[in-house]
Amino acid sequence: MCFRSNGGGMRVIVDVDGVIADFVGSFLRCYQDYGGEVPEGWVSRHWTAINTDLPNPEIALRVWGHPSLFRDMEAYPGAIEALKEMNDRYDVRIATMLPQPWDVHIPARIAWLGENVPFLLHKQLYFCHDKNILDGDWMIEDNVDNLKAWLNANDARKGALVNRSWNENEWRHALPANRVIYIPGLEWFSLTS
């Protein structure tokens, strides 16, 4: 457990897409804006496969440049409230990765965070392509590979994997059971239980 000199106590790093915000839902809305049709009952295997999972990969590739892709994401139910409660108790940092070369979406992401989590300070927001460089005690993440790499960088770290359709079959063999908890959503996270 790392305690910070700023008095914030335990540092918890929280991912945005798939944890706080529904990136896949936003992607699908943008895909439909461009004329793509989403098959009934379609579920994302993984956000990295979304281009090839949808019926029209050409339209899916165009979505990455859609101006509202990151701007108009919807927060998962209970996620903002849970994040606010965590921020009152812990030293929370938001860590978000943007797929290269789409750094052009950073202003939209900053606007989204400003509207949806105004209780966070700018110094609590990290935009990076490698979350392993971030120091913390806990990471809340939906991407198994990101969480695994972050845990492997320091044996004292712990993680919470938010269960989503794209990770439900991956985590069982990929993550150390003694250092990871599995939660259905951010609102279920607690360091006291």
Foldseek 3Di string as FASTA:
>chain_A
DDQDPVRQGFEEEEEPDPAFWPLVVLLVVLLVVLPFDADPPDFDQDPVCVLVSGPHNVSSVVSLVDLCSQQDTDTDPPRLVLVVVCSVRGNYAYEYEDPPPSPVCVVSNVNNCCVRNVVDDPVRYHYDNQCLVDDGAEYEEQDLVNVLSNCVSDVNHAYEHADGNNCPPPNPPRDDPVRYHYHPHSNPDDPVD
